[in-house]
C-alpha atoms as a PDB file:
ATOM      1  CA  MET A   1      -0.094  -0.096  -0.070  1.00  0.00           C
ATOM      2  CA  THR A   2       1.063   3.557  -0.432  1.00  0.00           C
ATOM      3  CA  HIS A   3       0.237   6.651   0.766  1.00  0.00           C
ATOM      4  CA  MET A   4      -1.868   9.325  -1.173  1.00  0.00           C
ATOM      5  CA  GLU A   5      -1.975  12.862   0.405  1.00  0.00           C
ATOM      6  CA  GLN A   6      -5.171  13.734   1.096  1.00  0.00           C
ATOM      7  CA  PRO A   7      -6.711  16.650  -0.907  1.00  0.00           C
ATOM      8  CA  LYS A   8      -7.375  19.920   1.208  1.00  0.00           C
ATOM      9  CA  GLY A   9     -10.385  19.995   2.892  1.00  0.00           C
ATOM     10  CA  THR A  10     -11.144  19.219   6.523  1.00  0.00           C
ATOM     11  CA  THR A  11     -12.323  15.911   8.250  1.00  0.00           C
ATOM     12  CA  ASP A  12     -15.634  17.216   9.011  1.00  0.00           C
ATOM     13  CA  ASP A  13     -16.332  17.696   5.621  1.00  0.00           C
ATOM     14  CA  PRO A  14     -19.021  15.113   4.395  1.00  0.00           C
ATOM     15  CA  PRO A  15     -18.006  11.993   2.607  1.00  0.00           C
ATOM     16  CA  ALA A  16     -19.206  13.022  -0.695  1.00  0.00           C
ATOM     17  CA  ALA A  17     -16.754  16.134  -0.866  1.00  0.00           C
ATOM     18  CA  ILE A  18     -14.106  14.383   0.071  1.00  0.00           C
ATOM     19  CA  LYS A  19     -14.955  11.497  -2.566  1.00  0.00           C
ATOM     20  CA  LYS A  20     -15.354  14.551  -5.081  1.00  0.00           C
ATOM     21  CA  ARG A  21     -11.880  15.878  -4.481  1.00  0.00           C
ATOM     22  CA  LEU A  22     -10.173  12.585  -4.365  1.00  0.00           C
ATOM     23  CA  ARG A  23     -11.703  11.571  -7.553  1.00  0.00           C
ATOM     24  CA  ALA A  24     -10.414  14.985  -8.942  1.00  0.00           C
ATOM     25  CA  LYS A  25      -6.630  14.122  -7.741  1.00  0.00           C
ATOM     26  CA  ILE A  26      -6.928  10.823  -9.307  1.00  0.00           C
ATOM     27  CA  ARG A  27      -7.831  11.405 -12.391  1.00  0.00           C
ATOM     28  CA  GLN A  28      -5.147  13.914 -12.653  1.00  0.00           C
ATOM     29  CA  GLN A  29      -2.302  11.773 -11.860  1.00  0.00           C
ATOM     30  CA  ARG A  30      -3.992   9.055 -14.283  1.00  0.00           C
ATOM     31  CA  ALA A  31      -3.829  11.413 -16.728  1.00  0.00           C
ATOM     32  CA  LEU A  32       0.159  12.013 -16.296  1.00  0.00           C
ATOM     33  CA  ARG A  33       0.749   7.814 -16.107  1.00  0.00           C
ATOM     34  CA  SER A  34       3.402   7.253 -19.222  1.00  0.00           C
ATOM     35  CA  THR A  35       2.208   4.855 -22.550  1.00  0.00           C
ATOM     36  CA  ARG A  36       5.159   2.572 -21.147  1.00  0.00           C
ATOM     37  CA  GLU A  37       3.988   2.655 -17.546  1.00  0.00           C
ATOM     38  CA  ARG A  38       0.184   1.589 -18.830  1.00  0.00           C
ATOM     39  CA  GLN A  39       1.372  -1.154 -21.131  1.00  0.00           C
ATOM     40  CA  VAL A  40       3.272  -2.601 -18.182  1.00  0.00           C
ATOM     41  CA  PHE A  41       0.353  -2.388 -16.199  1.00  0.00           C
ATOM     42  CA  ALA A  42      -1.765  -4.314 -19.046  1.00  0.00           C
ATOM     43  CA  SER A  43       0.826  -6.911 -19.035  1.00  0.00           C
ATOM     44  CA  GLU A  44       0.798  -7.809 -15.386  1.00  0.00           C
ATOM     45  CA  LEU A  45      -2.845  -7.619 -15.433  1.00  0.00           C
ATOM     46  CA  ALA A  46      -2.702 -10.235 -18.223  1.00  0.00           C
ATOM     47  CA  ALA A  47      -0.813 -12.337 -16.293  1.00  0.00           C
ATOM     48  CA  TRP A  48      -3.351 -12.787 -14.116  1.00  0.00           C
ATOM     49  CA  VAL A  49      -4.430 -16.715 -13.544  1.00  0.00           C
ATOM     50  CA  PRO A  50      -8.085 -16.956 -11.970  1.00  0.00           C
ATOM     51  CA  PRO A  51      -8.402 -19.523  -9.360  1.00  0.00           C
ATOM     52  CA  SER A  52      -8.657 -23.187 -10.216  1.00  0.00           C
ATOM     53  CA  GLY A  53     -12.810 -23.640 -11.166  1.00  0.00           C
ATOM     54  CA  VAL A  54     -13.291 -20.388 -12.187  1.00  0.00           C
ATOM     55  CA  ASN A  55     -15.094 -20.753 -15.567  1.00  0.00           C
ATOM     56  CA  ARG A  56     -16.847 -17.019 -15.845  1.00  0.00           C
ATOM     57  CA  VAL A  57     -16.126 -13.651 -14.493  1.00  0.00           C
ATOM     58  CA  SER A  58     -17.385 -10.421 -14.892  1.00  0.00           C
ATOM     59  CA  CYS A  59     -14.862  -7.797 -16.095  1.00  0.00           C
ATOM     60  CA  PHE A  60     -15.073  -3.777 -17.817  1.00  0.00           C
ATOM     61  CA  LEU A  61     -13.399  -2.347 -20.809  1.00  0.00           C
ATOM     62  CA  GLY A  62     -10.959   0.091 -19.394  1.00  0.00           C
ATOM     63  CA  VAL A  63     -11.727   3.666 -21.136  1.00  0.00           C
ATOM     64  CA  GLY A  64      -9.572   7.220 -21.126  1.00  0.00           C
ATOM     65  CA  ASP A  65      -7.284   7.006 -18.301  1.00  0.00           C
ATOM     66  CA  GLU A  66      -8.569   3.236 -16.783  1.00  0.00           C
ATOM     67  CA  PRO A  67      -6.204   0.749 -16.705  1.00  0.00           C
ATOM     68  CA  ASP A  68      -6.163  -0.901 -20.562  1.00  0.00           C
ATOM     69  CA  THR A  69      -8.457  -4.182 -19.492  1.00  0.00           C
ATOM     70  CA  GLY A  70      -7.952  -5.394 -23.625  1.00  0.00           C
ATOM     71  CA  PRO A  71      -4.891  -7.488 -22.896  1.00  0.00           C
ATOM     72  CA  LEU A  72      -6.506  -9.080 -19.792  1.00  0.00           C
ATOM     73  CA  LEU A  73      -9.717 -10.183 -21.613  1.00  0.00           C
ATOM     74  CA  ALA A  74      -7.608 -11.895 -24.740  1.00  0.00           C
ATOM     75  CA  ALA A  75      -5.686 -13.899 -21.960  1.00  0.00           C
ATOM     76  CA  LEU A  76      -8.976 -15.260 -19.930  1.00  0.00           C
ATOM     77  CA  GLY A  77     -10.284 -15.987 -23.511  1.00  0.00           C
ATOM     78  CA  ASP A  78      -7.327 -17.991 -24.067  1.00  0.00           C
ATOM     79  CA  ARG A  79      -7.397 -19.550 -20.816  1.00  0.00           C
ATOM     80  CA  GLY A  80     -11.174 -20.690 -21.386  1.00  0.00           C
ATOM     81  CA  VAL A  81     -12.378 -18.448 -19.032  1.00  0.00           C
ATOM     82  CA  GLU A  82     -16.257 -16.747 -19.928  1.00  0.00           C
ATOM     83  CA  VAL A  83     -16.242 -12.699 -19.371  1.00  0.00           C
ATOM     84  CA  ILE A  84     -18.822 -10.633 -19.311  1.00  0.00           C
ATOM     85  CA  LEU A  85     -19.169  -7.185 -20.062  1.00  0.00           C
ATOM     86  CA  PRO A  86     -21.066  -4.384 -18.527  1.00  0.00           C
ATOM     87  CA  ILE A  87     -23.857  -2.373 -20.408  1.00  0.00           C
ATOM     88  CA  THR A  88     -24.631   0.668 -18.635  1.00  0.00           C
ATOM     89  CA  LEU A  89     -28.209   1.646 -18.929  1.00  0.00           C
ATOM     90  CA  LYS A  90     -30.150   4.981 -18.362  1.00  0.00           C
ATOM     91  CA  ASP A  91     -30.730   5.008 -14.437  1.00  0.00           C
ATOM     92  CA  PHE A  92     -27.100   3.712 -14.280  1.00  0.00           C
ATOM     93  CA  SER A  93     -27.818  -0.142 -13.732  1.00  0.00           C
ATOM     94  CA  LEU A  94     -25.688  -2.222 -15.347  1.00  0.00           C
ATOM     95  CA  ASP A  95     -26.760  -4.980 -18.074  1.00  0.00           C
ATOM     96  CA  TRP A  96     -24.324  -7.554 -18.733  1.00  0.00           C
ATOM     97  CA  ALA A  97     -23.073  -9.511 -21.999  1.00  0.00           C
ATOM     98  CA  VAL A  98     -20.610 -12.092 -23.057  1.00  0.00           C
ATOM     99  CA  TYR A  99     -17.779 -10.634 -24.435  1.00  0.00           C
ATOM    100  CA  THR A 100     -16.904 -12.450 -27.965  1.00  0.00           C
ATOM    101  CA  GLY A 101     -13.855 -10.150 -29.014  1.00  0.00           C
ATOM    102  CA  GLU A 102     -12.984  -6.981 -30.269  1.00  0.00           C
ATOM    103  CA  SER A 103     -15.563  -7.100 -33.592  1.00  0.00           C
ATOM    104  CA  GLY A 104     -18.546  -7.482 -30.582  1.00  0.00           C
ATOM    105  CA  LEU A 105     -18.122  -4.101 -29.417  1.00  0.00           C
ATOM    106  CA  VAL A 106     -19.686  -0.897 -29.519  1.00  0.00           C
ATOM    107  CA  ALA A 107     -18.982   2.462 -28.634  1.00  0.00           C
ATOM    108  CA  ALA A 108     -21.466   3.647 -26.584  1.00  0.00           C
ATOM    109  CA  GLY A 109     -22.858   6.412 -24.124  1.00  0.00           C
ATOM    110  CA  TYR A 110     -20.547   8.382 -21.650  1.00  0.00           C
ATOM    111  CA  GLY A 111     -18.004   7.443 -23.328  1.00  0.00           C
ATOM    112  CA  LEU A 112     -17.847   3.459 -22.715  1.00  0.00           C
ATOM    113  CA  THR A 113     -17.584   0.282 -25.090  1.00  0.00           C
ATOM    114  CA  GLU A 114     -20.193  -2.025 -24.669  1.00  0.00           C
ATOM    115  CA  PRO A 115     -20.857  -5.715 -26.303  1.00  0.00           C
ATOM    116  CA  THR A 116     -23.320  -6.120 -28.617  1.00  0.00           C
ATOM    117  CA  GLY A 117     -24.451  -9.817 -27.595  1.00  0.00           C
ATOM    118  CA  ARG A 118     -27.558 -10.804 -26.150  1.00  0.00           C
ATOM    119  CA  ARG A 119     -28.115  -9.432 -23.077  1.00  0.00           C
ATOM    120  CA  LEU A 120     -27.981 -10.974 -19.906  1.00  0.00           C
ATOM    121  CA  GLY A 121     -29.688  -9.053 -17.083  1.00  0.00           C
ATOM    122  CA  VAL A 122     -28.986  -7.087 -14.125  1.00  0.00           C
ATOM    123  CA  ALA A 123     -28.875 -10.271 -12.215  1.00  0.00           C
ATOM    124  CA  ALA A 124     -25.987 -11.572 -14.398  1.00  0.00           C
ATOM    125  CA  LEU A 125     -23.727 -11.004 -11.542  1.00  0.00           C
ATOM    126  CA  ALA A 126     -25.247 -13.947  -9.594  1.00  0.00           C
ATOM    127  CA  THR A 127     -23.282 -16.166 -12.073  1.00  0.00           C
ATOM    128  CA  ILE A 128     -19.981 -15.252 -12.002  1.00  0.00           C
ATOM    129  CA  ASP A 129     -16.919 -16.831  -9.971  1.00  0.00           C
ATOM    130  CA  VAL A 130     -14.739 -13.710  -9.603  1.00  0.00           C
ATOM    131  CA  ALA A 131     -15.790 -10.238 -10.018  1.00  0.00           C
ATOM    132  CA  LEU A 132     -13.232  -7.935 -11.524  1.00  0.00           C
ATOM    133  CA  ILE A 133     -14.402  -4.343 -11.382  1.00  0.00           C
ATOM    134  CA  PRO A 134     -13.554  -0.600 -11.996  1.00  0.00           C
ATOM    135  CA  ALA A 135     -11.783   1.791  -9.399  1.00  0.00           C
ATOM    136  CA  LEU A 136      -9.784   5.047  -8.803  1.00  0.00           C
ATOM    137  CA  ALA A 137      -8.531   4.068  -5.171  1.00  0.00           C
ATOM    138  CA  VAL A 138      -9.189   1.063  -2.558  1.00  0.00           C
ATOM    139  CA  ASP A 139      -8.025   0.954   1.085  1.00  0.00           C
ATOM    140  CA  MET A 140      -6.750  -1.754   2.865  1.00  0.00           C
ATOM    141  CA  ALA A 141     -10.521  -2.543   4.445  1.00  0.00           C
ATOM    142  CA  GLY A 142     -11.630  -2.896   0.935  1.00  0.00           C
ATOM    143  CA  ARG A 143     -13.164   0.646   0.902  1.00  0.00           C
ATOM    144  CA  ARG A 144     -13.503   1.456  -2.836  1.00  0.00           C
ATOM    145  CA  LEU A 145     -13.631   5.352  -4.631  1.00  0.00           C
ATOM    146  CA  GLY A 146     -15.732   4.494  -7.695  1.00  0.00           C
ATOM    147  CA  GLN A 147     -16.053   6.728 -10.338  1.00  0.00           C
ATOM    148  CA  GLY A 148     -19.235   8.492  -8.879  1.00  0.00           C
ATOM    149  CA  ALA A 149     -22.370   7.289 -10.913  1.00  0.00           C
ATOM    150  CA  GLY A 150     -23.041   4.410  -8.601  1.00  0.00           C
ATOM    151  CA  CYS A 151     -23.294   1.739 -11.179  1.00  0.00           C
ATOM    152  CA  TYR A 152     -21.375  -0.694  -9.794  1.00  0.00           C
ATOM    153  CA  ASP A 153     -22.755  -0.293  -5.794  1.00  0.00           C
ATOM    154  CA  ARG A 154     -25.855  -1.121  -7.950  1.00  0.00           C
ATOM    155  CA  ALA A 155     -24.745  -3.869  -9.627  1.00  0.00           C
ATOM    156  CA  LEU A 156     -22.687  -5.589  -6.641  1.00  0.00           C
ATOM    157  CA  PRO A 157     -25.548  -6.843  -4.679  1.00  0.00           C
ATOM    158  CA  HIS A 158     -26.352  -9.628  -7.290  1.00  0.00           C
ATOM    159  CA  VAL A 159     -22.851 -11.016  -6.393  1.00  0.00           C
ATOM    160  CA  ARG A 160     -23.222 -14.232  -4.740  1.00  0.00           C
ATOM    161  CA  PRO A 161     -21.812 -13.602  -1.377  1.00  0.00           C
ATOM    162  CA  ALA A 162     -18.838 -15.999  -1.661  1.00  0.00           C
ATOM    163  CA  THR A 163     -17.710 -14.836  -4.814  1.00  0.00           C
ATOM    164  CA  PRO A 164     -14.239 -12.566  -4.559  1.00  0.00           C
ATOM    165  CA  VAL A 165     -14.574  -8.903  -5.750  1.00  0.00           C
ATOM    166  CA  LEU A 166     -11.594  -7.684  -6.810  1.00  0.00           C
ATOM    167  CA  ALA A 167     -10.643  -4.082  -7.828  1.00  0.00           C
ATOM    168  CA  ILE A 168      -8.536  -3.117 -11.011  1.00  0.00           C
ATOM    169  CA  VAL A 169      -6.379   0.134 -10.116  1.00  0.00           C
ATOM    170  CA  PHE A 170      -3.190   0.875 -10.623  1.00  0.00           C
ATOM    171  CA  GLY A 171      -0.182   0.168  -7.872  1.00  0.00           C
ATOM    172  CA  ASP A 172       0.125   3.934  -5.956  1.00  0.00           C
ATOM    173  CA  GLU A 173      -4.203   3.563  -5.511  1.00  0.00           C
ATOM    174  CA  ARG A 174      -4.109   1.214  -3.350  1.00  0.00           C
ATOM    175  CA  MET A 175      -4.171   3.517  -0.074  1.00  0.00           C
ATOM    176  CA  SER A 176      -3.077   2.890   3.563  1.00  0.00           C
ATOM    177  CA  ASP A 177      -5.474   5.711   4.834  1.00  0.00           C
ATOM    178  CA  PRO A 178      -9.169   5.129   5.475  1.00  0.00           C
ATOM    179  CA  LEU A 179     -11.299   6.226   2.087  1.00  0.00           C
ATOM    180  CA  PRO A 180     -14.414   8.227   2.779  1.00  0.00           C
ATOM    181  CA  GLU A 181     -17.344   5.529   2.722  1.00  0.00           C
ATOM    182  CA  GLU A 182     -21.266   6.119   2.563  1.00  0.00           C
ATOM    183  CA  PRO A 183     -23.921   3.688   3.402  1.00  0.00           C
ATOM    184  CA  HIS A 184     -24.440   2.738  -0.265  1.00  0.00           C
ATOM    185  CA  ASP A 185     -20.973   2.216  -0.995  1.00  0.00           C
ATOM    186  CA  ARG A 186     -20.174  -1.611  -1.635  1.00  0.00           C
ATOM    187  CA  ARG A 187     -16.542  -2.870  -0.193  1.00  0.00           C
ATOM    188  CA  VAL A 188     -14.519  -5.423  -2.241  1.00  0.00           C
ATOM    189  CA  ASP A 189     -12.221  -8.094  -1.311  1.00  0.00           C
ATOM    190  CA  GLY A 190      -8.962  -7.479  -2.597  1.00  0.00           C
ATOM    191  CA  THR A 191      -7.549  -5.630  -5.897  1.00  0.00           C
ATOM    192  CA  LEU A 192      -6.028  -6.821  -9.326  1.00  0.00           C
ATOM    193  CA  PRO A 193      -2.890  -7.060 -10.008  1.00  0.00           C
END
């Protein structure tokens, strides 16, 4: 775990205000990452070998300054693991479809890329063995700072209780200090890689 200096403000600020400042700071740092650093991280992600018995995982397509998950998706497919990807609905709930390769993807709203296959429904996370989700930061207790729309806070209740939920974050986004938390926030079990 590394230490990221908290943005200016007071400890009396509401969690939402602290989260907003943290998001801005982390997005700014992500924008400064070199192409080489991003490529190395994408290779480290692709080297992840799921535990024995994992047949289906959820993941996401990194866009903008998010970690590049493309090599990971290809590697999981090569290992015979089925991947489902999110489709963002108008109410910011997530539907899901099976990843069938780059040819089965289209540009979507909010600057995202989404799968075109048959929709599996918002409860599809109940069918996975591991959830790989986006985050801007995660602390040692599993508190996750997301992008702010609450998509995964809505989706994660569908994950079975014993299913690991792992956030994909760059190494310096693993925080030693506690992140702010609100009642609707869902914690994660760890980070990847």
